[in-house]
Amino acid sequence: MALKRTYMLVLVSMIFSVVEMTVDPGFFVGRISLAFSGFLMVLLSLLFVKNLRRAE
């Protein structure tokens, strides 16, 4: 359940950053949201690899 919430957080953050960067590229909230979604994607990929290693 927590993983689904994290996936939704990444999706919402990416959509928000795309909308903000399209409307005003100089707006700092869009850049922060983009960095946050990138950090979450890296974290989720590491958790995915960790789960794959545990399953073996």
PDB file of N, CA and C in Angstrom:
ATOM      1  N   MET A   1       0.816  -1.193   0.000  1.00  0.00           N
ATOM      2  CA  MET A   1       0.000   0.000   0.000  1.00  0.00           C
ATOM      3  C   MET A   1       0.864   1.264   0.000  1.00  0.00           C
ATOM      4  N   ALA A   2       1.917   1.250   0.789  1.00  0.00           N
ATOM      5  CA  ALA A   2       2.796   2.424   0.841  1.00  0.00           C
ATOM      6  C   ALA A   2       3.518   2.622  -0.488  1.00  0.00           C
ATOM      7  N   LEU A   3       3.805   1.518  -1.174  1.00  0.00           N
ATOM      8  CA  LEU A   3       4.486   1.625  -2.452  1.00  0.00           C
ATOM      9  C   LEU A   3       3.577   2.276  -3.503  1.00  0.00           C
ATOM     10  N   LYS A   4       2.292   1.948  -3.474  1.00  0.00           N
ATOM     11  CA  LYS A   4       1.347   2.577  -4.397  1.00  0.00           C
ATOM     12  C   LYS A   4       1.241   4.072  -4.124  1.00  0.00           C
ATOM     13  N   ARG A   5       1.262   4.449  -2.861  1.00  0.00           N
ATOM     14  CA  ARG A   5       1.214   5.876  -2.523  1.00  0.00           C
ATOM     15  C   ARG A   5       2.460   6.589  -3.023  1.00  0.00           C
ATOM     16  N   THR A   6       3.595   5.931  -2.915  1.00  0.00           N
ATOM     17  CA  THR A   6       4.837   6.533  -3.395  1.00  0.00           C
ATOM     18  C   THR A   6       4.820   6.678  -4.906  1.00  0.00           C
ATOM     19  N   TYR A   7       4.310   5.658  -5.603  1.00  0.00           N
ATOM     20  CA  TYR A   7       4.185   5.754  -7.059  1.00  0.00           C
ATOM     21  C   TYR A   7       3.273   6.910  -7.453  1.00  0.00           C
ATOM     22  N   MET A   8       2.177   7.070  -6.724  1.00  0.00           N
ATOM     23  CA  MET A   8       1.262   8.169  -7.027  1.00  0.00           C
ATOM     24  C   MET A   8       1.914   9.517  -6.721  1.00  0.00           C
ATOM     25  N   LEU A   9       2.707   9.590  -5.669  1.00  0.00           N
ATOM     26  CA  LEU A   9       3.420  10.819  -5.342  1.00  0.00           C
ATOM     27  C   LEU A   9       4.400  11.187  -6.450  1.00  0.00           C
ATOM     28  N   VAL A  10       5.109  10.196  -6.975  1.00  0.00           N
ATOM     29  CA  VAL A  10       6.035  10.448  -8.081  1.00  0.00           C
ATOM     30  C   VAL A  10       5.275  10.927  -9.308  1.00  0.00           C
ATOM     31  N   LEU A  11       4.165  10.285  -9.620  1.00  0.00           N
ATOM     32  CA  LEU A  11       3.385  10.664 -10.792  1.00  0.00           C
ATOM     33  C   LEU A  11       2.834  12.081 -10.668  1.00  0.00           C
ATOM     34  N   VAL A  12       2.270  12.399  -9.526  1.00  0.00           N
ATOM     35  CA  VAL A  12       1.726  13.744  -9.317  1.00  0.00           C
ATOM     36  C   VAL A  12       2.837  14.789  -9.347  1.00  0.00           C
ATOM     37  N   SER A  13       3.962  14.471  -8.754  1.00  0.00           N
ATOM     38  CA  SER A  13       5.074  15.412  -8.744  1.00  0.00           C
ATOM     39  C   SER A  13       5.613  15.654 -10.151  1.00  0.00           C
ATOM     40  N   MET A  14       5.689  14.615 -10.952  1.00  0.00           N
ATOM     41  CA  MET A  14       6.165  14.784 -12.326  1.00  0.00           C
ATOM     42  C   MET A  14       5.179  15.593 -13.161  1.00  0.00           C
ATOM     43  N   ILE A  15       3.899  15.315 -13.011  1.00  0.00           N
ATOM     44  CA  ILE A  15       2.889  16.079 -13.752  1.00  0.00           C
ATOM     45  C   ILE A  15       2.917  17.539 -13.324  1.00  0.00           C
ATOM     46  N   PHE A  16       3.029  17.783 -12.023  1.00  0.00           N
ATOM     47  CA  PHE A  16       3.088  19.154 -11.524  1.00  0.00           C
ATOM     48  C   PHE A  16       4.313  19.881 -12.064  1.00  0.00           C
ATOM     49  N   SER A  17       5.451  19.204 -12.086  1.00  0.00           N
ATOM     50  CA  SER A  17       6.668  19.864 -12.572  1.00  0.00           C
ATOM     51  C   SER A  17       6.585  20.154 -14.056  1.00  0.00           C
ATOM     52  N   VAL A  18       5.980  19.263 -14.833  1.00  0.00           N
ATOM     53  CA  VAL A  18       5.829  19.520 -16.273  1.00  0.00           C
ATOM     54  C   VAL A  18       4.906  20.709 -16.504  1.00  0.00           C
ATOM     55  N   VAL A  19       3.813  20.773 -15.774  1.00  0.00           N
ATOM     56  CA  VAL A  19       2.884  21.902 -15.926  1.00  0.00           C
ATOM     57  C   VAL A  19       3.549  23.205 -15.508  1.00  0.00           C
ATOM     58  N   GLU A  20       4.236  23.201 -14.392  1.00  0.00           N
ATOM     59  CA  GLU A  20       4.885  24.429 -13.920  1.00  0.00           C
ATOM     60  C   GLU A  20       6.001  24.872 -14.861  1.00  0.00           C
ATOM     61  N   MET A  21       6.793  23.938 -15.373  1.00  0.00           N
ATOM     62  CA  MET A  21       7.883  24.315 -16.277  1.00  0.00           C
ATOM     63  C   MET A  21       7.342  24.782 -17.630  1.00  0.00           C
ATOM     64  N   THR A  22       6.160  24.309 -18.016  1.00  0.00           N
ATOM     65  CA  THR A  22       5.555  24.755 -19.271  1.00  0.00           C
ATOM     66  C   THR A  22       5.003  26.166 -19.125  1.00  0.00           C
ATOM     67  N   VAL A  23       4.351  26.433 -18.005  1.00  0.00           N
ATOM     68  CA  VAL A  23       3.738  27.745 -17.795  1.00  0.00           C
ATOM     69  C   VAL A  23       4.801  28.818 -17.588  1.00  0.00           C
ATOM     70  N   ASP A  24       5.736  28.575 -16.686  1.00  0.00           N
ATOM     71  CA  ASP A  24       6.774  29.564 -16.377  1.00  0.00           C
ATOM     72  C   ASP A  24       8.075  28.828 -16.066  1.00  0.00           C
ATOM     73  N   PRO A  25       8.992  28.751 -17.042  1.00  0.00           N
ATOM     74  CA  PRO A  25      10.227  27.986 -16.825  1.00  0.00           C
ATOM     75  C   PRO A  25      11.118  28.541 -15.712  1.00  0.00           C
ATOM     76  N   GLY A  26      10.960  29.791 -15.361  1.00  0.00           N
ATOM     77  CA  GLY A  26      11.783  30.384 -14.318  1.00  0.00           C
ATOM     78  C   GLY A  26      11.222  30.184 -12.922  1.00  0.00           C
ATOM     79  N   PHE A  27      10.049  29.593 -12.816  1.00  0.00           N
ATOM     80  CA  PHE A  27       9.396  29.419 -11.521  1.00  0.00           C
ATOM     81  C   PHE A  27      10.091  28.316 -10.739  1.00  0.00           C
ATOM     82  N   PHE A  28      10.528  28.614  -9.545  1.00  0.00           N
ATOM     83  CA  PHE A  28      11.370  27.690  -8.790  1.00  0.00           C
ATOM     84  C   PHE A  28      10.612  26.488  -8.239  1.00  0.00           C
ATOM     85  N   VAL A  29       9.302  26.568  -8.061  1.00  0.00           N
ATOM     86  CA  VAL A  29       8.538  25.443  -7.519  1.00  0.00           C
ATOM     87  C   VAL A  29       8.542  24.279  -8.517  1.00  0.00           C
ATOM     88  N   GLY A  30       8.488  24.587  -9.792  1.00  0.00           N
ATOM     89  CA  GLY A  30       8.558  23.536 -10.811  1.00  0.00           C
ATOM     90  C   GLY A  30       9.895  22.824 -10.800  1.00  0.00           C
ATOM     91  N   ARG A  31      10.951  23.568 -10.602  1.00  0.00           N
ATOM     92  CA  ARG A  31      12.294  22.958 -10.533  1.00  0.00           C
ATOM     93  C   ARG A  31      12.458  22.115  -9.274  1.00  0.00           C
ATOM     94  N   ILE A  32      11.927  22.588  -8.158  1.00  0.00           N
ATOM     95  CA  ILE A  32      11.987  21.819  -6.920  1.00  0.00           C
ATOM     96  C   ILE A  32      11.185  20.536  -7.063  1.00  0.00           C
ATOM     97  N   SER A  33      10.019  20.626  -7.663  1.00  0.00           N
ATOM     98  CA  SER A  33       9.179  19.446  -7.863  1.00  0.00           C
ATOM     99  C   SER A  33       9.853  18.455  -8.795  1.00  0.00           C
ATOM    100  N   LEU A  34      10.526  18.950  -9.816  1.00  0.00           N
ATOM    101  CA  LEU A  34      11.244  18.072 -10.739  1.00  0.00           C
ATOM    102  C   LEU A  34      12.393  17.364 -10.034  1.00  0.00           C
ATOM    103  N   ALA A  35      13.132  18.074  -9.207  1.00  0.00           N
ATOM    104  CA  ALA A  35      14.222  17.459  -8.451  1.00  0.00           C
ATOM    105  C   ALA A  35      13.678  16.441  -7.454  1.00  0.00           C
ATOM    106  N   PHE A  36      12.572  16.749  -6.821  1.00  0.00           N
ATOM    107  CA  PHE A  36      11.954  15.834  -5.864  1.00  0.00           C
ATOM    108  C   PHE A  36      11.486  14.550  -6.539  1.00  0.00           C
ATOM    109  N   SER A  37      10.849  14.677  -7.698  1.00  0.00           N
ATOM    110  CA  SER A  37      10.395  13.479  -8.404  1.00  0.00           C
ATOM    111  C   SER A  37      11.579  12.662  -8.910  1.00  0.00           C
ATOM    112  N   GLY A  38      12.651  13.309  -9.318  1.00  0.00           N
ATOM    113  CA  GLY A  38      13.851  12.580  -9.724  1.00  0.00           C
ATOM    114  C   GLY A  38      14.465  11.819  -8.567  1.00  0.00           C
ATOM    115  N   PHE A  39      14.515  12.457  -7.390  1.00  0.00           N
ATOM    116  CA  PHE A  39      15.030  11.781  -6.204  1.00  0.00           C
ATOM    117  C   PHE A  39      14.163  10.587  -5.832  1.00  0.00           C
ATOM    118  N   LEU A  40      12.855  10.737  -5.909  1.00  0.00           N
ATOM    119  CA  LEU A  40      11.964   9.629  -5.591  1.00  0.00           C
ATOM    120  C   LEU A  40      12.097   8.485  -6.590  1.00  0.00           C
ATOM    121  N   MET A  41      12.303   8.807  -7.855  1.00  0.00           N
ATOM    122  CA  MET A  41      12.473   7.745  -8.856  1.00  0.00           C
ATOM    123  C   MET A  41      13.756   6.965  -8.604  1.00  0.00           C
ATOM    124  N   VAL A  42      14.824   7.648  -8.239  1.00  0.00           N
ATOM    125  CA  VAL A  42      16.072   6.947  -7.912  1.00  0.00           C
ATOM    126  C   VAL A  42      15.877   6.074  -6.684  1.00  0.00           C
ATOM    127  N   LEU A  43      15.204   6.598  -5.674  1.00  0.00           N
ATOM    128  CA  LEU A  43      14.941   5.829  -4.470  1.00  0.00           C
ATOM    129  C   LEU A  43      14.086   4.597  -4.764  1.00  0.00           C
ATOM    130  N   LEU A  44      13.056   4.747  -5.578  1.00  0.00           N
ATOM    131  CA  LEU A  44      12.206   3.615  -5.924  1.00  0.00           C
ATOM    132  C   LEU A  44      12.956   2.573  -6.745  1.00  0.00           C
ATOM    133  N   SER A  45      13.844   3.009  -7.618  1.00  0.00           N
ATOM    134  CA  SER A  45      14.609   2.036  -8.403  1.00  0.00           C
ATOM    135  C   SER A  45      15.561   1.247  -7.505  1.00  0.00           C
ATOM    136  N   LEU A  46      16.154   1.909  -6.507  1.00  0.00           N
ATOM    137  CA  LEU A  46      17.006   1.189  -5.567  1.00  0.00           C
ATOM    138  C   LEU A  46      16.202   0.200  -4.724  1.00  0.00           C
ATOM    139  N   LEU A  47      15.017   0.591  -4.310  1.00  0.00           N
ATOM    140  CA  LEU A  47      14.155  -0.323  -3.561  1.00  0.00           C
ATOM    141  C   LEU A  47      13.721  -1.506  -4.420  1.00  0.00           C
ATOM    142  N   PHE A  48      13.490  -1.262  -5.704  1.00  0.00           N
ATOM    143  CA  PHE A  48      13.113  -2.335  -6.617  1.00  0.00           C
ATOM    144  C   PHE A  48      14.244  -3.350  -6.760  1.00  0.00           C
ATOM    145  N   VAL A  49      15.464  -2.860  -6.920  1.00  0.00           N
ATOM    146  CA  VAL A  49      16.617  -3.758  -7.032  1.00  0.00           C
ATOM    147  C   VAL A  49      16.816  -4.524  -5.725  1.00  0.00           C
ATOM    148  N   LYS A  50      16.633  -3.857  -4.615  1.00  0.00           N
ATOM    149  CA  LYS A  50      16.764  -4.519  -3.313  1.00  0.00           C
ATOM    150  C   LYS A  50      15.726  -5.642  -3.156  1.00  0.00           C
ATOM    151  N   ASN A  51      14.509  -5.394  -3.586  1.00  0.00           N
ATOM    152  CA  ASN A  51      13.478  -6.424  -3.523  1.00  0.00           C
ATOM    153  C   ASN A  51      13.769  -7.583  -4.462  1.00  0.00           C
ATOM    154  N   LEU A  52      14.359  -7.311  -5.607  1.00  0.00           N
ATOM    155  CA  LEU A  52      14.713  -8.377  -6.543  1.00  0.00           C
ATOM    156  C   LEU A  52      15.820  -9.260  -5.966  1.00  0.00           C
ATOM    157  N   ARG A  53      16.778  -8.651  -5.320  1.00  0.00           N
ATOM    158  CA  ARG A  53      17.869  -9.435  -4.715  1.00  0.00           C
ATOM    159  C   ARG A  53      17.379 -10.280  -3.550  1.00  0.00           C
ATOM    160  N   ARG A  54      16.419  -9.751  -2.810  1.00  0.00           N
ATOM    161  CA  ARG A  54      15.864 -10.489  -1.681  1.00  0.00           C
ATOM    162  C   ARG A  54      15.025 -11.676  -2.170  1.00  0.00           C
ATOM    163  N   ALA A  55      14.397 -11.545  -3.331  1.00  0.00           N
ATOM    164  CA  ALA A  55      13.540 -12.602  -3.866  1.00  0.00           C
ATOM    165  C   ALA A  55      14.348 -13.787  -4.393  1.00  0.00           C
ATOM    166  N   GLU A  56      15.592 -13.575  -4.727  1.00  0.00           N
ATOM    167  CA  GLU A  56      16.409 -14.660  -5.294  1.00  0.00           C
ATOM    168  C   GLU A  56      16.832 -15.660  -4.270  1.00  0.00           C
TER     169      GLU A  56
END
